[in-house]
C-alpha cells in the first residue's frame, strides 16, 4: 500500500497501481485525470459510515456492483479483482471522508484497504490500471 506520495501517480501505468491517502481537495483533480485517461471513475462518500454493513451498502451503490452482489467481504473481493461490470480499461476509486470509517470501524477500514491493495496487485498482473484514493484528514497532495 502506498501512503501519501509526493508526486501524482500516472493513472495509465499499472506499475503505479495501489492505495493512496490524499487530502480532501485532491479527489476532484484525480477524478478529472481519470476521466481524461478514459478510466472508470467511481466516488464513494463515507461520511458517517461506521460499520461493515454501511460500507458494503455504499460500495454497492457507488460502484454499481452487480445485482447479485452478496453483501460480504468475499463477494466484494471477487468484484474488485474482476470489475467486468464496470466499463473501463482501468479503474479509479475515490473515497470521500474516509476518516469517519477509519475512526469508527478500524477493522473494517483495514480489511477494505487490504482488499483494494490486493485488487491493485491483481490488476497490475493483468496490466490494467487500478487505483484507490482515500481522503483523510492531514494528508495533502497525491
C-alpha atoms as a PDB file:
ATOM      1  CA  UNK A   1       0.000   0.000   0.000  1.00  0.00           C
ATOM      2  CA  UNK A   2       1.234   3.454  -0.801  1.00  0.00           C
ATOM      3  CA  UNK A   3       0.995   6.306   1.619  1.00  0.00           C
ATOM      4  CA  UNK A   4       0.813   9.913   0.523  1.00  0.00           C
ATOM      5  CA  UNK A   5       3.101  10.057  -2.471  1.00  0.00           C
ATOM      6  CA  UNK A   6       4.957  13.291  -3.277  1.00  0.00           C
ATOM      7  CA  UNK A   7       4.164  13.078  -6.997  1.00  0.00           C
ATOM      8  CA  UNK A   8       0.938  12.379  -8.832  1.00  0.00           C
ATOM      9  CA  UNK A   9       0.805   8.774  -9.952  1.00  0.00           C
ATOM     10  CA  UNK A  10       0.416   8.232 -13.689  1.00  0.00           C
ATOM     11  CA  UNK A  11      -3.051   6.682 -13.788  1.00  0.00           C
ATOM     12  CA  UNK A  12      -2.282   4.991 -17.094  1.00  0.00           C
ATOM     13  CA  UNK A  13       0.634   2.994 -15.662  1.00  0.00           C
ATOM     14  CA  UNK A  14      -0.330  -0.214 -13.845  1.00  0.00           C
ATOM     15  CA  UNK A  15       3.151  -0.269 -12.298  1.00  0.00           C
ATOM     16  CA  UNK A  16       1.916   2.581 -10.065  1.00  0.00           C
ATOM     17  CA  UNK A  17      -1.318   0.829  -9.047  1.00  0.00           C
ATOM     18  CA  UNK A  18      -2.154   0.986  -5.380  1.00  0.00           C
ATOM     19  CA  UNK A  19      -3.968   2.571  -2.491  1.00  0.00           C
ATOM     20  CA  UNK A  20      -3.121   6.201  -1.779  1.00  0.00           C
ATOM     21  CA  UNK A  21      -4.072   8.573   1.034  1.00  0.00           C
ATOM     22  CA  UNK A  22      -4.768  12.117  -0.112  1.00  0.00           C
ATOM     23  CA  UNK A  23      -6.277  15.361   1.104  1.00  0.00           C
ATOM     24  CA  UNK A  24      -9.911  16.364   0.559  1.00  0.00           C
ATOM     25  CA  UNK A  25      -9.011  18.764  -2.231  1.00  0.00           C
ATOM     26  CA  UNK A  26      -7.185  16.113  -4.268  1.00  0.00           C
ATOM     27  CA  UNK A  27     -10.156  13.920  -5.209  1.00  0.00           C
ATOM     28  CA  UNK A  28     -11.663  16.255  -7.822  1.00  0.00           C
ATOM     29  CA  UNK A  29      -8.303  16.597  -9.567  1.00  0.00           C
ATOM     30  CA  UNK A  30      -7.793  12.820  -9.540  1.00  0.00           C
ATOM     31  CA  UNK A  31     -11.326  12.256 -10.873  1.00  0.00           C
ATOM     32  CA  UNK A  32     -10.618  14.672 -13.742  1.00  0.00           C
ATOM     33  CA  UNK A  33      -7.339  12.901 -14.508  1.00  0.00           C
ATOM     34  CA  UNK A  34      -9.029   9.508 -14.505  1.00  0.00           C
ATOM     35  CA  UNK A  35     -11.775  10.658 -16.862  1.00  0.00           C
ATOM     36  CA  UNK A  36      -9.216  12.339 -19.120  1.00  0.00           C
ATOM     37  CA  UNK A  37      -7.400   8.992 -19.360  1.00  0.00           C
ATOM     38  CA  UNK A  38     -10.729   7.242 -20.108  1.00  0.00           C
ATOM     39  CA  UNK A  39     -10.689   5.220 -16.897  1.00  0.00           C
ATOM     40  CA  UNK A  40     -13.816   4.276 -14.976  1.00  0.00           C
ATOM     41  CA  UNK A  41     -14.032   6.704 -12.046  1.00  0.00           C
ATOM     42  CA  UNK A  42     -16.223   5.898  -9.029  1.00  0.00           C
ATOM     43  CA  UNK A  43     -16.626   8.080  -5.969  1.00  0.00           C
ATOM     44  CA  UNK A  44     -17.883   6.797  -2.624  1.00  0.00           C
ATOM     45  CA  UNK A  45     -18.871   9.179   0.174  1.00  0.00           C
ATOM     46  CA  UNK A  46     -18.008   7.628   3.539  1.00  0.00           C
ATOM     47  CA  UNK A  47     -19.378  10.482   5.653  1.00  0.00           C
ATOM     48  CA  UNK A  48     -20.812   8.926   8.808  1.00  0.00           C
ATOM     49  CA  UNK A  49     -20.008   5.383   7.679  1.00  0.00           C
ATOM     50  CA  UNK A  50     -19.298   3.446  10.867  1.00  0.00           C
ATOM     51  CA  UNK A  51     -19.576  -0.268  10.083  1.00  0.00           C
ATOM     52  CA  UNK A  52     -19.189  -3.046   7.532  1.00  0.00           C
ATOM     53  CA  UNK A  53     -22.888  -3.168   6.602  1.00  0.00           C
ATOM     54  CA  UNK A  54     -22.988   0.549   5.829  1.00  0.00           C
ATOM     55  CA  UNK A  55     -19.720   0.351   3.920  1.00  0.00           C
ATOM     56  CA  UNK A  56     -20.902  -2.541   1.751  1.00  0.00           C
ATOM     57  CA  UNK A  57     -24.189  -0.753   1.004  1.00  0.00           C
ATOM     58  CA  UNK A  58     -22.378   2.406  -0.044  1.00  0.00           C
ATOM     59  CA  UNK A  59     -19.945   0.460  -2.210  1.00  0.00           C
ATOM     60  CA  UNK A  60     -22.758  -1.485  -3.870  1.00  0.00           C
ATOM     61  CA  UNK A  61     -24.405   1.804  -4.851  1.00  0.00           C
ATOM     62  CA  UNK A  62     -21.362   3.902  -5.796  1.00  0.00           C
ATOM     63  CA  UNK A  63     -19.581   1.132  -7.698  1.00  0.00           C
ATOM     64  CA  UNK A  64     -22.796  -0.089  -9.334  1.00  0.00           C
ATOM     65  CA  UNK A  65     -21.994  -3.603  -8.163  1.00  0.00           C
ATOM     66  CA  UNK A  66     -23.938  -6.409  -9.855  1.00  0.00           C
ATOM     67  CA  UNK A  67     -27.452  -7.117  -8.574  1.00  0.00           C
ATOM     68  CA  UNK A  68     -26.308 -10.492  -7.247  1.00  0.00           C
ATOM     69  CA  UNK A  69     -23.558  -8.907  -5.114  1.00  0.00           C
ATOM     70  CA  UNK A  70     -23.571 -10.931  -1.898  1.00  0.00           C
ATOM     71  CA  UNK A  71     -23.042  -8.035   0.591  1.00  0.00           C
ATOM     72  CA  UNK A  72     -19.990  -9.720   2.160  1.00  0.00           C
ATOM     73  CA  UNK A  73     -16.210  -9.398   2.022  1.00  0.00           C
ATOM     74  CA  UNK A  74     -15.691 -12.387  -0.292  1.00  0.00           C
ATOM     75  CA  UNK A  75     -18.185 -11.046  -2.824  1.00  0.00           C
ATOM     76  CA  UNK A  76     -16.552  -7.613  -2.702  1.00  0.00           C
ATOM     77  CA  UNK A  77     -13.099  -9.127  -3.224  1.00  0.00           C
ATOM     78  CA  UNK A  78     -14.368 -11.033  -6.262  1.00  0.00           C
ATOM     79  CA  UNK A  79     -15.924  -7.900  -7.746  1.00  0.00           C
ATOM     80  CA  UNK A  80     -12.809  -5.790  -7.178  1.00  0.00           C
ATOM     81  CA  UNK A  81     -10.473  -8.352  -8.723  1.00  0.00           C
ATOM     82  CA  UNK A  82     -12.575  -8.712 -11.864  1.00  0.00           C
ATOM     83  CA  UNK A  83     -14.549  -5.494 -12.412  1.00  0.00           C
ATOM     84  CA  UNK A  84     -16.098  -6.509 -15.745  1.00  0.00           C
ATOM     85  CA  UNK A  85     -19.405  -4.990 -14.571  1.00  0.00           C
ATOM     86  CA  UNK A  86     -17.738  -1.563 -14.531  1.00  0.00           C
ATOM     87  CA  UNK A  87     -16.745  -0.480 -18.046  1.00  0.00           C
ATOM     88  CA  UNK A  88     -13.292   0.963 -18.495  1.00  0.00           C
ATOM     89  CA  UNK A  89      -9.801  -0.196 -19.360  1.00  0.00           C
ATOM     90  CA  UNK A  90      -8.772   0.751 -15.832  1.00  0.00           C
ATOM     91  CA  UNK A  91     -10.355   1.969 -12.602  1.00  0.00           C
ATOM     92  CA  UNK A  92     -10.005   4.872 -10.187  1.00  0.00           C
ATOM     93  CA  UNK A  93     -11.916   4.562  -6.915  1.00  0.00           C
ATOM     94  CA  UNK A  94     -12.257   7.699  -4.813  1.00  0.00           C
ATOM     95  CA  UNK A  95     -13.323   7.641  -1.165  1.00  0.00           C
ATOM     96  CA  UNK A  96     -14.516  10.927   0.382  1.00  0.00           C
ATOM     97  CA  UNK A  97     -14.376  11.460   4.160  1.00  0.00           C
ATOM     98  CA  UNK A  98     -12.615   8.158   4.811  1.00  0.00           C
ATOM     99  CA  UNK A  99     -11.593   9.394   8.261  1.00  0.00           C
ATOM    100  CA  UNK A 100     -15.066   8.568   9.585  1.00  0.00           C
ATOM    101  CA  UNK A 101     -14.721   4.880   8.718  1.00  0.00           C
ATOM    102  CA  UNK A 102     -11.082   4.799   9.817  1.00  0.00           C
ATOM    103  CA  UNK A 103     -12.065   6.210  13.226  1.00  0.00           C
ATOM    104  CA  UNK A 104     -15.324   4.317  13.829  1.00  0.00           C
ATOM    105  CA  UNK A 105     -14.608   0.931  12.231  1.00  0.00           C
ATOM    106  CA  UNK A 106     -10.850   0.389  12.298  1.00  0.00           C
ATOM    107  CA  UNK A 107     -11.009  -3.316  11.445  1.00  0.00           C
ATOM    108  CA  UNK A 108     -13.416  -2.806   8.538  1.00  0.00           C
ATOM    109  CA  UNK A 109     -11.279   0.067   7.234  1.00  0.00           C
ATOM    110  CA  UNK A 110      -8.180  -2.135   7.335  1.00  0.00           C
ATOM    111  CA  UNK A 111      -9.976  -5.026   5.617  1.00  0.00           C
ATOM    112  CA  UNK A 112     -11.089  -2.683   2.827  1.00  0.00           C
ATOM    113  CA  UNK A 113      -7.544  -1.339   2.394  1.00  0.00           C
ATOM    114  CA  UNK A 114      -6.212  -4.881   2.133  1.00  0.00           C
ATOM    115  CA  UNK A 115      -8.829  -5.847  -0.447  1.00  0.00           C
ATOM    116  CA  UNK A 116      -8.136  -2.785  -2.559  1.00  0.00           C
ATOM    117  CA  UNK A 117      -4.391  -3.368  -2.350  1.00  0.00           C
ATOM    118  CA  UNK A 118      -4.940  -6.970  -3.442  1.00  0.00           C
ATOM    119  CA  UNK A 119      -7.152  -5.822  -6.326  1.00  0.00           C
ATOM    120  CA  UNK A 120      -4.472  -3.312  -7.400  1.00  0.00           C
ATOM    121  CA  UNK A 121      -1.852  -6.078  -7.457  1.00  0.00           C
ATOM    122  CA  UNK A 122      -4.192  -8.386  -9.374  1.00  0.00           C
ATOM    123  CA  UNK A 123      -4.857  -5.611 -11.919  1.00  0.00           C
ATOM    124  CA  UNK A 124      -1.147  -4.861 -12.211  1.00  0.00           C
ATOM    125  CA  UNK A 125      -0.520  -8.513 -13.088  1.00  0.00           C
ATOM    126  CA  UNK A 126      -3.189  -8.137 -15.799  1.00  0.00           C
ATOM    127  CA  UNK A 127      -1.564  -4.846 -16.954  1.00  0.00           C
ATOM    128  CA  UNK A 128      -4.708  -2.882 -16.065  1.00  0.00           C
ATOM    129  CA  UNK A 129      -4.704   0.395 -14.064  1.00  0.00           C
ATOM    130  CA  UNK A 130      -6.390   0.208 -10.649  1.00  0.00           C
ATOM    131  CA  UNK A 131      -6.113   2.997  -8.096  1.00  0.00           C
ATOM    132  CA  UNK A 132      -7.898   3.741  -4.832  1.00  0.00           C
ATOM    133  CA  UNK A 133      -7.614   7.179  -3.227  1.00  0.00           C
ATOM    134  CA  UNK A 134      -8.829   7.870   0.312  1.00  0.00           C
ATOM    135  CA  UNK A 135      -9.269  11.450   1.502  1.00  0.00           C
ATOM    136  CA  UNK A 136      -8.076  11.554   5.095  1.00  0.00           C
ATOM    137  CA  UNK A 137      -7.588  14.489   7.434  1.00  0.00           C
ATOM    138  CA  UNK A 138      -3.997  15.671   7.483  1.00  0.00           C
ATOM    139  CA  UNK A 139      -2.996  14.274   4.084  1.00  0.00           C
ATOM    140  CA  UNK A 140      -2.135  16.514   1.153  1.00  0.00           C
ATOM    141  CA  UNK A 141      -1.119  16.168  -2.474  1.00  0.00           C
ATOM    142  CA  UNK A 142      -1.453  12.752  -4.024  1.00  0.00           C
END
